[in-house]
Amino acid sequence: MQSSNDDDRPRLLDPVDRISEILFGLIMAVTIVGSLSIASAGKNEVRTVLYGALGCNIAWGLVDAVMYLVRTMTERTRYFALGRKVLDADAATARRVIASTLPDHLAKIAGPDEIEGMRRRLLALPPQEPAALRRDDYLASIGIFLWVVIATFPVVLPFILTSDAARAMNASRAITLVMLFLAGFALGRHAGYRWPITSGLLMATMGAILILAVMALGG
């Protein structure tokens, strides 16, 4: 079912989507940078790792952006088909179709009157155009790509600013942990946690465990 507010629903600006993309980019970058062996790292090795981290996140960003478009088109097509099914069905069947599409948390509180109201409002909508990707969808996918790629730069920046590989590695890990904490804190605030600092610490702890795992494996 395609609502008249389809264009107004949050996409790229949704905090969960935005922070998730940053987290994906961060974790990918720190994993690749962590593969650098400090004991034997030379300029060529550092440069290779930096290019690898950037290239991997560019590739991941492209995949994520394309999959966003695929997911958007798939969902839009599905809701358009469900909308047509409701419009073509009798009242009882239409109500069952609507009820079956509601998320669990809404299905528990939506009674017959609410579902009937949805059916009537759907019938009153003007004819809907077939599902298609729009300009905002492509802009959102570009934004997703940029979020993933941009998350790489704070992690690799110390290697650009100093030739001391060991110092750069420590700084890179510290930056990653701070960014993970801030991302977790932002997610906690968005979720309405009473103490969002807890989610920030949990996210930073997860990053620390990942860094230690990489070090244990020879990074």
N, C-alpha and C. Protein backbone atom coordinates (compact mmCIF):
# COMPACT_ATOMS: atom_id res chain seq x y z
N MET A 1 0.84 -1.18 0.00
CA MET A 1 0.00 0.00 0.00
C MET A 1 0.87 1.23 0.00
N GLN A 2 0.64 2.08 -0.92
CA GLN A 2 1.44 3.27 -1.07
C GLN A 2 0.69 4.47 -0.55
N SER A 3 1.19 5.10 0.48
CA SER A 3 0.47 6.21 1.08
C SER A 3 0.82 7.50 0.38
N SER A 4 -0.03 8.51 0.61
CA SER A 4 0.21 9.80 0.01
C SER A 4 1.40 10.51 0.64
N ASN A 5 1.86 10.01 1.79
CA ASN A 5 3.00 10.62 2.46
C ASN A 5 4.30 9.89 2.16
N ASP A 6 4.29 9.08 1.11
CA ASP A 6 5.45 8.26 0.79
C ASP A 6 6.70 9.10 0.61
N ASP A 7 6.56 10.27 -0.04
CA ASP A 7 7.71 11.10 -0.30
C ASP A 7 8.22 11.80 0.94
N ASP A 8 7.38 11.86 2.01
CA ASP A 8 7.74 12.60 3.20
C ASP A 8 8.40 11.74 4.26
N ARG A 9 8.40 10.43 4.10
CA ARG A 9 8.95 9.59 5.15
C ARG A 9 10.48 9.72 5.17
N PRO A 10 11.08 9.70 6.36
CA PRO A 10 12.52 9.92 6.46
C PRO A 10 13.31 8.81 5.82
N ARG A 11 14.38 9.18 5.18
CA ARG A 11 15.24 8.19 4.55
C ARG A 11 16.67 8.40 5.03
N LEU A 12 17.42 9.15 4.22
CA LEU A 12 18.81 9.36 4.57
C LEU A 12 18.97 10.08 5.89
N LEU A 13 18.06 10.97 6.22
CA LEU A 13 18.17 11.76 7.44
C LEU A 13 17.75 10.98 8.67
N ASP A 14 17.25 9.76 8.49
CA ASP A 14 16.89 8.95 9.64
C ASP A 14 18.15 8.64 10.45
N PRO A 15 18.17 8.95 11.75
CA PRO A 15 19.39 8.77 12.55
C PRO A 15 19.93 7.35 12.54
N VAL A 16 19.05 6.35 12.60
CA VAL A 16 19.51 4.97 12.64
C VAL A 16 20.24 4.61 11.34
N ASP A 17 19.65 4.97 10.19
CA ASP A 17 20.30 4.68 8.92
C ASP A 17 21.64 5.40 8.81
N ARG A 18 21.65 6.67 9.17
CA ARG A 18 22.87 7.48 9.02
C ARG A 18 23.98 6.94 9.92
N ILE A 19 23.67 6.67 11.19
CA ILE A 19 24.69 6.20 12.12
C ILE A 19 25.14 4.79 11.76
N SER A 20 24.22 3.97 11.27
CA SER A 20 24.59 2.62 10.86
C SER A 20 25.62 2.64 9.74
N GLU A 21 25.43 3.54 8.78
CA GLU A 21 26.39 3.63 7.69
C GLU A 21 27.77 4.05 8.21
N ILE A 22 27.79 4.99 9.16
CA ILE A 22 29.06 5.41 9.74
C ILE A 22 29.73 4.24 10.46
N LEU A 23 28.94 3.46 11.20
CA LEU A 23 29.49 2.32 11.92
C LEU A 23 30.06 1.28 10.96
N PHE A 24 29.34 1.00 9.88
CA PHE A 24 29.84 0.04 8.91
C PHE A 24 31.19 0.50 8.35
N GLY A 25 31.26 1.78 7.98
CA GLY A 25 32.50 2.30 7.43
C GLY A 25 33.63 2.27 8.43
N LEU A 26 33.33 2.63 9.68
CA LEU A 26 34.36 2.63 10.72
C LEU A 26 34.92 1.23 10.97
N ILE A 27 34.02 0.28 11.15
CA ILE A 27 34.46 -1.08 11.47
C ILE A 27 35.24 -1.68 10.31
N MET A 28 34.80 -1.42 9.08
CA MET A 28 35.51 -1.91 7.92
C MET A 28 36.92 -1.30 7.86
N ALA A 29 37.00 0.01 8.07
CA ALA A 29 38.29 0.69 7.97
C ALA A 29 39.25 0.23 9.06
N VAL A 30 38.78 0.16 10.32
CA VAL A 30 39.68 -0.21 11.41
C VAL A 30 40.14 -1.65 11.28
N THR A 31 39.31 -2.50 10.70
CA THR A 31 39.71 -3.89 10.49
C THR A 31 40.85 -3.98 9.48
N ILE A 32 40.75 -3.22 8.40
CA ILE A 32 41.79 -3.26 7.37
C ILE A 32 43.06 -2.59 7.87
N VAL A 33 42.91 -1.41 8.50
CA VAL A 33 44.09 -0.73 9.05
C VAL A 33 44.76 -1.60 10.11
N GLY A 34 43.96 -2.33 10.89
CA GLY A 34 44.51 -3.18 11.93
C GLY A 34 45.32 -4.35 11.40
N SER A 35 45.18 -4.63 10.11
CA SER A 35 45.96 -5.72 9.53
C SER A 35 47.41 -5.32 9.29
N LEU A 36 47.74 -4.02 9.45
CA LEU A 36 49.10 -3.54 9.24
C LEU A 36 49.99 -4.01 10.37
N SER A 37 51.10 -4.63 10.03
CA SER A 37 52.06 -5.08 11.02
C SER A 37 53.02 -3.94 11.34
N ILE A 38 52.92 -3.40 12.55
CA ILE A 38 53.74 -2.25 12.93
C ILE A 38 55.22 -2.58 12.92
N ALA A 39 55.57 -3.80 13.29
CA ALA A 39 56.98 -4.18 13.42
C ALA A 39 57.72 -4.08 12.10
N SER A 40 57.02 -4.36 11.01
CA SER A 40 57.69 -4.39 9.71
C SER A 40 57.11 -3.40 8.72
N ALA A 41 56.32 -2.46 9.23
CA ALA A 41 55.63 -1.55 8.32
C ALA A 41 56.58 -0.50 7.75
N GLY A 42 56.61 -0.44 6.43
CA GLY A 42 57.35 0.60 5.74
C GLY A 42 56.38 1.51 5.02
N LYS A 43 56.91 2.50 4.33
CA LYS A 43 56.04 3.45 3.64
C LYS A 43 55.15 2.75 2.62
N ASN A 44 55.72 1.78 1.91
CA ASN A 44 54.93 1.07 0.90
C ASN A 44 53.80 0.28 1.54
N GLU A 45 54.10 -0.38 2.67
CA GLU A 45 53.07 -1.16 3.34
C GLU A 45 51.96 -0.27 3.88
N VAL A 46 52.35 0.87 4.48
CA VAL A 46 51.35 1.80 5.00
C VAL A 46 50.47 2.32 3.87
N ARG A 47 51.12 2.68 2.76
CA ARG A 47 50.36 3.20 1.62
C ARG A 47 49.39 2.14 1.09
N THR A 48 49.84 0.90 1.04
CA THR A 48 48.98 -0.18 0.56
C THR A 48 47.76 -0.36 1.45
N VAL A 49 47.98 -0.30 2.76
CA VAL A 49 46.87 -0.46 3.70
C VAL A 49 45.89 0.71 3.57
N LEU A 50 46.41 1.92 3.44
CA LEU A 50 45.53 3.08 3.30
C LEU A 50 44.68 2.97 2.04
N TYR A 51 45.32 2.60 0.94
CA TYR A 51 44.57 2.43 -0.30
C TYR A 51 43.55 1.30 -0.16
N GLY A 52 43.95 0.25 0.56
CA GLY A 52 43.04 -0.88 0.75
C GLY A 52 41.83 -0.48 1.57
N ALA A 53 42.05 0.28 2.65
CA ALA A 53 40.94 0.73 3.49
C ALA A 53 39.99 1.62 2.71
N LEU A 54 40.55 2.57 1.96
CA LEU A 54 39.72 3.47 1.18
C LEU A 54 38.99 2.73 0.07
N GLY A 55 39.72 1.86 -0.64
CA GLY A 55 39.10 1.11 -1.73
C GLY A 55 38.00 0.19 -1.26
N CYS A 56 38.23 -0.46 -0.12
CA CYS A 56 37.22 -1.37 0.41
C CYS A 56 35.96 -0.62 0.81
N ASN A 57 36.13 0.54 1.43
CA ASN A 57 34.96 1.30 1.83
C ASN A 57 34.23 1.92 0.64
N ILE A 58 34.98 2.26 -0.41
CA ILE A 58 34.32 2.73 -1.63
C ILE A 58 33.47 1.61 -2.21
N ALA A 59 34.04 0.40 -2.25
CA ALA A 59 33.30 -0.75 -2.78
C ALA A 59 32.08 -1.05 -1.91
N TRP A 60 32.28 -1.02 -0.58
CA TRP A 60 31.16 -1.28 0.34
C TRP A 60 30.09 -0.21 0.19
N GLY A 61 30.52 1.04 0.05
CA GLY A 61 29.57 2.12 -0.11
C GLY A 61 28.75 1.97 -1.38
N LEU A 62 29.39 1.55 -2.47
CA LEU A 62 28.67 1.33 -3.72
C LEU A 62 27.64 0.21 -3.57
N VAL A 63 28.07 -0.89 -2.95
CA VAL A 63 27.15 -2.01 -2.75
C VAL A 63 25.97 -1.58 -1.88
N ASP A 64 26.26 -0.87 -0.81
CA ASP A 64 25.20 -0.44 0.10
C ASP A 64 24.24 0.53 -0.59
N ALA A 65 24.78 1.42 -1.41
CA ALA A 65 23.94 2.38 -2.12
C ALA A 65 23.03 1.67 -3.13
N VAL A 66 23.60 0.73 -3.86
CA VAL A 66 22.79 -0.01 -4.84
C VAL A 66 21.73 -0.84 -4.14
N MET A 67 22.10 -1.49 -3.03
CA MET A 67 21.13 -2.31 -2.32
C MET A 67 20.02 -1.46 -1.71
N TYR A 68 20.34 -0.22 -1.35
CA TYR A 68 19.31 0.69 -0.87
C TYR A 68 18.27 0.92 -1.96
N LEU A 69 18.73 1.14 -3.19
CA LEU A 69 17.80 1.35 -4.30
C LEU A 69 16.99 0.08 -4.57
N VAL A 70 17.65 -1.07 -4.50
CA VAL A 70 16.94 -2.34 -4.72
C VAL A 70 15.88 -2.54 -3.64
N ARG A 71 16.25 -2.28 -2.39
CA ARG A 71 15.30 -2.45 -1.28
C ARG A 71 14.14 -1.47 -1.40
N THR A 72 14.45 -0.23 -1.75
CA THR A 72 13.40 0.77 -1.90
C THR A 72 12.42 0.39 -3.00
N MET A 73 12.95 -0.04 -4.14
CA MET A 73 12.09 -0.41 -5.25
C MET A 73 11.25 -1.65 -4.92
N THR A 74 11.88 -2.61 -4.24
CA THR A 74 11.16 -3.83 -3.87
C THR A 74 10.01 -3.52 -2.91
N GLU A 75 10.28 -2.71 -1.89
CA GLU A 75 9.24 -2.37 -0.92
C GLU A 75 8.12 -1.56 -1.58
N ARG A 76 8.51 -0.63 -2.44
CA ARG A 76 7.50 0.21 -3.09
C ARG A 76 6.61 -0.61 -4.02
N THR A 77 7.23 -1.55 -4.74
CA THR A 77 6.45 -2.42 -5.62
C THR A 77 5.51 -3.31 -4.81
N ARG A 78 6.01 -3.81 -3.68
CA ARG A 78 5.19 -4.68 -2.84
C ARG A 78 3.97 -3.93 -2.31
N TYR A 79 4.20 -2.70 -1.81
CA TYR A 79 3.09 -1.94 -1.26
C TYR A 79 2.10 -1.49 -2.35
N PHE A 80 2.61 -1.23 -3.54
CA PHE A 80 1.72 -0.88 -4.64
C PHE A 80 0.82 -2.07 -4.97
N ALA A 81 1.42 -3.28 -5.01
CA ALA A 81 0.63 -4.48 -5.30
C ALA A 81 -0.39 -4.75 -4.20
N LEU A 82 0.01 -4.55 -2.94
CA LEU A 82 -0.93 -4.74 -1.84
C LEU A 82 -2.07 -3.73 -1.91
N GLY A 83 -1.72 -2.49 -2.30
CA GLY A 83 -2.75 -1.48 -2.44
C GLY A 83 -3.77 -1.85 -3.50
N ARG A 84 -3.28 -2.35 -4.64
CA ARG A 84 -4.20 -2.77 -5.69
C ARG A 84 -5.07 -3.94 -5.22
N LYS A 85 -4.46 -4.82 -4.42
CA LYS A 85 -5.21 -5.97 -3.91
C LYS A 85 -6.34 -5.52 -2.98
N VAL A 86 -6.06 -4.53 -2.15
CA VAL A 86 -7.09 -3.99 -1.25
C VAL A 86 -8.20 -3.32 -2.05
N LEU A 87 -7.83 -2.54 -3.05
CA LEU A 87 -8.82 -1.82 -3.84
C LEU A 87 -9.72 -2.76 -4.63
N ASP A 88 -9.17 -3.90 -5.04
CA ASP A 88 -9.94 -4.84 -5.87
C ASP A 88 -10.73 -5.85 -5.05
N ALA A 89 -10.51 -5.88 -3.73
CA ALA A 89 -11.13 -6.90 -2.90
C ALA A 89 -12.40 -6.36 -2.25
N ASP A 90 -13.22 -7.30 -1.74
CA ASP A 90 -14.38 -6.88 -0.96
C ASP A 90 -13.90 -6.39 0.40
N ALA A 91 -14.80 -5.78 1.17
CA ALA A 91 -14.42 -5.11 2.42
C ALA A 91 -13.75 -6.06 3.40
N ALA A 92 -14.31 -7.24 3.58
CA ALA A 92 -13.76 -8.19 4.57
C ALA A 92 -12.36 -8.64 4.17
N THR A 93 -12.19 -8.97 2.89
CA THR A 93 -10.87 -9.40 2.42
C THR A 93 -9.87 -8.28 2.53
N ALA A 94 -10.29 -7.06 2.18
CA ALA A 94 -9.40 -5.91 2.25
C ALA A 94 -8.92 -5.68 3.68
N ARG A 95 -9.82 -5.83 4.64
CA ARG A 95 -9.42 -5.64 6.04
C ARG A 95 -8.40 -6.69 6.46
N ARG A 96 -8.58 -7.92 5.99
CA ARG A 96 -7.60 -8.97 6.33
C ARG A 96 -6.24 -8.67 5.71
N VAL A 97 -6.24 -8.18 4.49
CA VAL A 97 -4.97 -7.84 3.83
C VAL A 97 -4.26 -6.72 4.59
N ILE A 98 -5.01 -5.70 4.97
CA ILE A 98 -4.41 -4.59 5.70
C ILE A 98 -3.86 -5.07 7.04
N ALA A 99 -4.63 -5.87 7.76
CA ALA A 99 -4.19 -6.37 9.07
C ALA A 99 -2.92 -7.20 8.94
N SER A 100 -2.80 -7.96 7.85
CA SER A 100 -1.63 -8.84 7.67
C SER A 100 -0.36 -8.05 7.37
N THR A 101 -0.50 -6.80 6.93
CA THR A 101 0.68 -6.01 6.58
C THR A 101 1.16 -5.13 7.72
N LEU A 102 0.39 -5.03 8.80
CA LEU A 102 0.77 -4.15 9.90
C LEU A 102 1.93 -4.74 10.69
N PRO A 103 2.89 -3.91 11.12
CA PRO A 103 3.94 -4.38 12.02
C PRO A 103 3.32 -4.92 13.31
N ASP A 104 4.03 -5.81 13.96
CA ASP A 104 3.50 -6.46 15.15
C ASP A 104 3.05 -5.46 16.22
N HIS A 105 3.85 -4.40 16.43
CA HIS A 105 3.51 -3.46 17.50
C HIS A 105 2.26 -2.66 17.16
N LEU A 106 1.94 -2.51 15.88
CA LEU A 106 0.70 -1.83 15.49
C LEU A 106 -0.47 -2.80 15.44
N ALA A 107 -0.20 -4.03 15.01
CA ALA A 107 -1.27 -5.02 14.92
C ALA A 107 -1.90 -5.30 16.28
N LYS A 108 -1.10 -5.16 17.36
CA LYS A 108 -1.60 -5.44 18.70
C LYS A 108 -2.59 -4.39 19.18
N ILE A 109 -2.52 -3.17 18.63
CA ILE A 109 -3.38 -2.10 19.12
C ILE A 109 -4.39 -1.63 18.08
N ALA A 110 -4.30 -2.16 16.87
CA ALA A 110 -5.24 -1.75 15.81
C ALA A 110 -6.45 -2.68 15.83
N GLY A 111 -7.61 -2.13 16.15
CA GLY A 111 -8.84 -2.91 16.17
C GLY A 111 -9.58 -2.81 14.85
N PRO A 112 -10.75 -3.42 14.76
CA PRO A 112 -11.54 -3.41 13.52
C PRO A 112 -11.86 -2.00 13.03
N ASP A 113 -12.13 -1.09 13.94
CA ASP A 113 -12.47 0.27 13.54
C ASP A 113 -11.28 0.97 12.88
N GLU A 114 -10.09 0.80 13.47
CA GLU A 114 -8.91 1.42 12.89
C GLU A 114 -8.59 0.83 11.52
N ILE A 115 -8.71 -0.48 11.39
CA ILE A 115 -8.41 -1.12 10.10
C ILE A 115 -9.42 -0.70 9.04
N GLU A 116 -10.68 -0.61 9.45
CA GLU A 116 -11.70 -0.15 8.50
C GLU A 116 -11.43 1.29 8.08
N GLY A 117 -10.97 2.11 9.04
CA GLY A 117 -10.62 3.48 8.70
C GLY A 117 -9.48 3.54 7.69
N MET A 118 -8.50 2.66 7.85
CA MET A 118 -7.41 2.60 6.88
C MET A 118 -7.93 2.23 5.50
N ARG A 119 -8.83 1.25 5.48
CA ARG A 119 -9.39 0.82 4.19
C ARG A 119 -10.13 1.96 3.51
N ARG A 120 -10.93 2.69 4.25
CA ARG A 120 -11.69 3.80 3.67
C ARG A 120 -10.77 4.92 3.18
N ARG A 121 -9.73 5.21 3.95
CA ARG A 121 -8.80 6.25 3.51
C ARG A 121 -8.04 5.83 2.26
N LEU A 122 -7.73 4.54 2.19
CA LEU A 122 -7.05 4.04 0.99
C LEU A 122 -7.96 4.16 -0.23
N LEU A 123 -9.23 3.85 -0.06
CA LEU A 123 -10.17 3.97 -1.17
C LEU A 123 -10.34 5.41 -1.62
N ALA A 124 -10.16 6.35 -0.68
CA ALA A 124 -10.35 7.76 -1.01
C ALA A 124 -9.13 8.40 -1.67
N LEU A 125 -8.00 7.69 -1.68
CA LEU A 125 -6.80 8.24 -2.29
C LEU A 125 -6.96 8.35 -3.80
N PRO A 126 -6.30 9.32 -4.41
CA PRO A 126 -6.31 9.39 -5.88
C PRO A 126 -5.54 8.20 -6.45
N PRO A 127 -5.76 7.87 -7.70
CA PRO A 127 -5.05 6.74 -8.32
C PRO A 127 -3.53 6.90 -8.18
N GLN A 128 -2.89 5.82 -7.80
CA GLN A 128 -1.45 5.85 -7.59
C GLN A 128 -0.71 5.39 -8.84
N GLU A 129 0.43 6.04 -9.11
CA GLU A 129 1.26 5.63 -10.23
C GLU A 129 2.02 4.37 -9.87
N PRO A 130 2.37 3.56 -10.87
CA PRO A 130 3.16 2.35 -10.60
C PRO A 130 4.45 2.70 -9.87
N ALA A 131 4.94 1.75 -9.11
CA ALA A 131 6.14 1.98 -8.32
C ALA A 131 7.33 2.30 -9.22
N ALA A 132 8.12 3.28 -8.81
CA ALA A 132 9.32 3.67 -9.56
C ALA A 132 10.26 4.42 -8.63
N LEU A 133 11.54 4.37 -8.96
CA LEU A 133 12.52 5.14 -8.20
C LEU A 133 12.42 6.61 -8.58
N ARG A 134 12.67 7.47 -7.60
CA ARG A 134 12.55 8.90 -7.81
C ARG A 134 13.88 9.59 -7.54
N ARG A 135 13.91 10.88 -7.83
CA ARG A 135 15.15 11.64 -7.67
C ARG A 135 15.67 11.56 -6.24
N ASP A 136 14.78 11.68 -5.26
CA ASP A 136 15.20 11.63 -3.86
C ASP A 136 15.82 10.28 -3.50
N ASP A 137 15.35 9.22 -4.14
CA ASP A 137 15.93 7.90 -3.87
C ASP A 137 17.39 7.85 -4.31
N TYR A 138 17.68 8.39 -5.49
CA TYR A 138 19.06 8.40 -5.98
C TYR A 138 19.94 9.31 -5.13
N LEU A 139 19.39 10.45 -4.70
CA LEU A 139 20.15 11.33 -3.83
C LEU A 139 20.46 10.65 -2.50
N ALA A 140 19.48 9.91 -1.97
CA ALA A 140 19.69 9.19 -0.71
C ALA A 140 20.77 8.12 -0.87
N SER A 141 20.77 7.43 -2.00
CA SER A 141 21.79 6.39 -2.23
C SER A 141 23.18 7.01 -2.33
N ILE A 142 23.28 8.19 -2.95
CA ILE A 142 24.56 8.89 -3.01
C ILE A 142 25.00 9.29 -1.61
N GLY A 143 24.05 9.76 -0.80
CA GLY A 143 24.37 10.11 0.57
C GLY A 143 24.87 8.92 1.37
N ILE A 144 24.25 7.76 1.19
CA ILE A 144 24.69 6.55 1.88
C ILE A 144 26.12 6.20 1.49
N PHE A 145 26.41 6.28 0.19
CA PHE A 145 27.77 6.02 -0.29
C PHE A 145 28.77 6.96 0.38
N LEU A 146 28.43 8.24 0.46
CA LEU A 146 29.33 9.22 1.04
C LEU A 146 29.54 8.99 2.53
N TRP A 147 28.47 8.62 3.26
CA TRP A 147 28.63 8.36 4.69
C TRP A 147 29.63 7.24 4.93
N VAL A 148 29.53 6.16 4.14
CA VAL A 148 30.44 5.02 4.33
C VAL A 148 31.87 5.42 4.03
N VAL A 149 32.08 6.16 2.94
CA VAL A 149 33.43 6.54 2.53
C VAL A 149 34.03 7.56 3.50
N ILE A 150 33.23 8.55 3.90
CA ILE A 150 33.73 9.59 4.80
C ILE A 150 34.18 9.00 6.14
N ALA A 151 33.50 7.96 6.58
CA ALA A 151 33.87 7.33 7.85
C ALA A 151 35.28 6.77 7.83
N THR A 152 35.84 6.55 6.64
CA THR A 152 37.19 6.00 6.53
C THR A 152 38.25 7.03 6.92
N PHE A 153 38.04 8.29 6.58
CA PHE A 153 39.11 9.28 6.67
C PHE A 153 39.61 9.54 8.08
N PRO A 154 38.75 9.66 9.11
CA PRO A 154 39.32 9.86 10.46
C PRO A 154 40.21 8.72 10.90
N VAL A 155 39.92 7.51 10.43
CA VAL A 155 40.70 6.34 10.82
C VAL A 155 42.07 6.35 10.17
N VAL A 156 42.17 6.78 8.92
CA VAL A 156 43.45 6.75 8.20
C VAL A 156 44.21 8.07 8.31
N LEU A 157 43.57 9.13 8.81
CA LEU A 157 44.21 10.44 8.88
C LEU A 157 45.54 10.43 9.64
N PRO A 158 45.65 9.74 10.79
CA PRO A 158 46.94 9.74 11.49
C PRO A 158 48.10 9.22 10.63
N PHE A 159 47.83 8.28 9.74
CA PHE A 159 48.88 7.74 8.89
C PHE A 159 49.32 8.76 7.84
N ILE A 160 48.45 9.70 7.54
CA ILE A 160 48.79 10.75 6.57
C ILE A 160 49.58 11.86 7.25
N LEU A 161 49.28 12.11 8.54
CA LEU A 161 49.89 13.22 9.24
C LEU A 161 51.24 12.90 9.87
N THR A 162 51.53 11.62 10.09
CA THR A 162 52.80 11.25 10.71
C THR A 162 53.39 10.02 10.02
N SER A 163 54.71 9.96 10.01
CA SER A 163 55.41 8.81 9.41
C SER A 163 55.68 7.73 10.44
N ASP A 164 55.38 8.00 11.71
CA ASP A 164 55.58 7.01 12.77
C ASP A 164 54.38 6.06 12.76
N ALA A 165 54.58 4.87 12.22
CA ALA A 165 53.47 3.93 12.04
C ALA A 165 52.85 3.52 13.37
N ALA A 166 53.69 3.30 14.40
CA ALA A 166 53.16 2.87 15.69
C ALA A 166 52.29 3.96 16.32
N ARG A 167 52.77 5.20 16.27
CA ARG A 167 52.00 6.32 16.82
C ARG A 167 50.71 6.52 16.04
N ALA A 168 50.82 6.40 14.72
CA ALA A 168 49.63 6.57 13.87
C ALA A 168 48.60 5.48 14.16
N MET A 169 49.07 4.25 14.39
CA MET A 169 48.15 3.16 14.66
C MET A 169 47.40 3.39 15.98
N ASN A 170 48.13 3.82 17.01
CA ASN A 170 47.48 4.09 18.30
C ASN A 170 46.47 5.22 18.18
N ALA A 171 46.84 6.28 17.45
CA ALA A 171 45.92 7.39 17.26
C ALA A 171 44.69 6.96 16.47
N SER A 172 44.90 6.12 15.46
CA SER A 172 43.79 5.64 14.64
C SER A 172 42.81 4.83 15.49
N ARG A 173 43.34 3.99 16.36
CA ARG A 173 42.47 3.18 17.21
C ARG A 173 41.72 4.06 18.21
N ALA A 174 42.41 5.07 18.75
CA ALA A 174 41.74 5.97 19.70
C ALA A 174 40.62 6.74 19.01
N ILE A 175 40.87 7.23 17.81
CA ILE A 175 39.85 7.96 17.05
C ILE A 175 38.66 7.06 16.77
N THR A 176 38.94 5.81 16.41
CA THR A 176 37.86 4.87 16.12
C THR A 176 36.99 4.64 17.35
N LEU A 177 37.62 4.46 18.50
CA LEU A 177 36.85 4.22 19.73
C LEU A 177 36.00 5.44 20.09
N VAL A 178 36.56 6.63 19.93
CA VAL A 178 35.79 7.84 20.23
C VAL A 178 34.59 7.95 19.29
N MET A 179 34.80 7.69 18.00
CA MET A 179 33.71 7.78 17.03
C MET A 179 32.65 6.71 17.29
N LEU A 180 33.09 5.52 17.70
CA LEU A 180 32.14 4.46 18.03
C LEU A 180 31.31 4.85 19.25
N PHE A 181 31.98 5.44 20.24
CA PHE A 181 31.25 5.90 21.42
C PHE A 181 30.21 6.94 21.05
N LEU A 182 30.60 7.92 20.24
CA LEU A 182 29.67 8.97 19.85
C LEU A 182 28.50 8.41 19.04
N ALA A 183 28.80 7.44 18.17
CA ALA A 183 27.72 6.83 17.38
C ALA A 183 26.77 6.06 18.28
N GLY A 184 27.33 5.29 19.23
CA GLY A 184 26.47 4.57 20.16
C GLY A 184 25.66 5.50 21.04
N PHE A 185 26.27 6.60 21.45
CA PHE A 185 25.56 7.59 22.26
C PHE A 185 24.40 8.19 21.48
N ALA A 186 24.64 8.52 20.20
CA ALA A 186 23.59 9.08 19.36
C ALA A 186 22.45 8.09 19.17
N LEU A 187 22.79 6.82 18.97
CA LEU A 187 21.75 5.80 18.83
C LEU A 187 20.94 5.66 20.11
N GLY A 188 21.62 5.73 21.25
CA GLY A 188 20.93 5.63 22.53
C GLY A 188 19.96 6.79 22.74
N ARG A 189 20.38 7.99 22.38
CA ARG A 189 19.49 9.16 22.50
C ARG A 189 18.29 9.02 21.58
N HIS A 190 18.55 8.55 20.35
CA HIS A 190 17.44 8.39 19.41
C HIS A 190 16.44 7.34 19.90
N ALA A 191 16.97 6.28 20.53
CA ALA A 191 16.10 5.21 21.04
C ALA A 191 15.35 5.62 22.31
N GLY A 192 15.78 6.72 22.92
CA GLY A 192 15.12 7.18 24.13
C GLY A 192 15.64 6.55 25.40
N TYR A 193 16.88 6.01 25.37
CA TYR A 193 17.44 5.44 26.57
C TYR A 193 17.63 6.52 27.64
N ARG A 194 17.40 6.14 28.87
CA ARG A 194 17.57 7.10 29.96
C ARG A 194 19.03 7.48 30.11
N TRP A 195 19.91 6.52 29.88
CA TRP A 195 21.36 6.76 29.98
C TRP A 195 22.01 6.39 28.65
N PRO A 196 21.97 7.27 27.64
CA PRO A 196 22.56 6.95 26.34
C PRO A 196 24.06 6.73 26.40
N ILE A 197 24.69 7.21 27.47
CA ILE A 197 26.13 6.97 27.60
C ILE A 197 26.43 5.48 27.67
N THR A 198 25.45 4.71 28.17
CA THR A 198 25.64 3.26 28.26
C THR A 198 25.77 2.63 26.88
N SER A 199 24.90 3.03 25.96
CA SER A 199 24.99 2.48 24.60
C SER A 199 26.27 2.95 23.92
N GLY A 200 26.73 4.17 24.25
CA GLY A 200 27.99 4.64 23.71
C GLY A 200 29.15 3.79 24.19
N LEU A 201 29.16 3.48 25.49
CA LEU A 201 30.23 2.65 26.04
C LEU A 201 30.18 1.23 25.47
N LEU A 202 28.98 0.71 25.29
CA LEU A 202 28.85 -0.63 24.71
C LEU A 202 29.40 -0.67 23.29
N MET A 203 29.11 0.37 22.52
CA MET A 203 29.59 0.43 21.15
C MET A 203 31.12 0.55 21.13
N ALA A 204 31.67 1.39 22.01
CA ALA A 204 33.11 1.53 22.09
C ALA A 204 33.77 0.22 22.55
N THR A 205 33.12 -0.48 23.47
CA THR A 205 33.64 -1.77 23.93
C THR A 205 33.67 -2.78 22.80
N MET A 206 32.61 -2.79 22.00
CA MET A 206 32.60 -3.68 20.85
C MET A 206 33.76 -3.37 19.91
N GLY A 207 34.03 -2.08 19.70
CA GLY A 207 35.15 -1.70 18.86
C GLY A 207 36.48 -2.12 19.45
N ALA A 208 36.62 -1.98 20.78
CA ALA A 208 37.86 -2.39 21.44
C ALA A 208 38.08 -3.88 21.29
N ILE A 209 37.01 -4.66 21.43
CA ILE A 209 37.12 -6.12 21.28
C ILE A 209 37.55 -6.46 19.85
N LEU A 210 36.99 -5.75 18.89
CA LEU A 210 37.36 -5.98 17.50
C LEU A 210 38.83 -5.66 17.27
N ILE A 211 39.29 -4.53 17.82
CA ILE A 211 40.70 -4.15 17.66
C ILE A 211 41.61 -5.19 18.30
N LEU A 212 41.27 -5.66 19.51
CA LEU A 212 42.07 -6.67 20.18
C LEU A 212 42.10 -7.98 19.38
N ALA A 213 40.95 -8.31 18.78
CA ALA A 213 40.90 -9.53 17.97
C ALA A 213 41.84 -9.42 16.76
N VAL A 214 41.83 -8.24 16.13
CA VAL A 214 42.71 -8.01 14.99
C VAL A 214 44.18 -8.10 15.41
N MET A 215 44.50 -7.50 16.58
CA MET A 215 45.87 -7.56 17.07
C MET A 215 46.29 -8.99 17.38
N ALA A 216 45.37 -9.75 17.95
CA ALA A 216 45.67 -11.15 18.28
C ALA A 216 45.91 -12.00 17.04
N LEU A 217 45.29 -11.58 15.96
CA LEU A 217 45.45 -12.32 14.70
C LEU A 217 46.65 -11.83 13.89
N GLY A 218 47.41 -10.94 14.49
CA GLY A 218 48.64 -10.52 13.83
C GLY A 218 48.64 -9.12 13.31
N GLY A 219 47.54 -8.32 13.61
CA GLY A 219 47.48 -6.94 13.12
C GLY A 219 48.33 -6.01 13.93
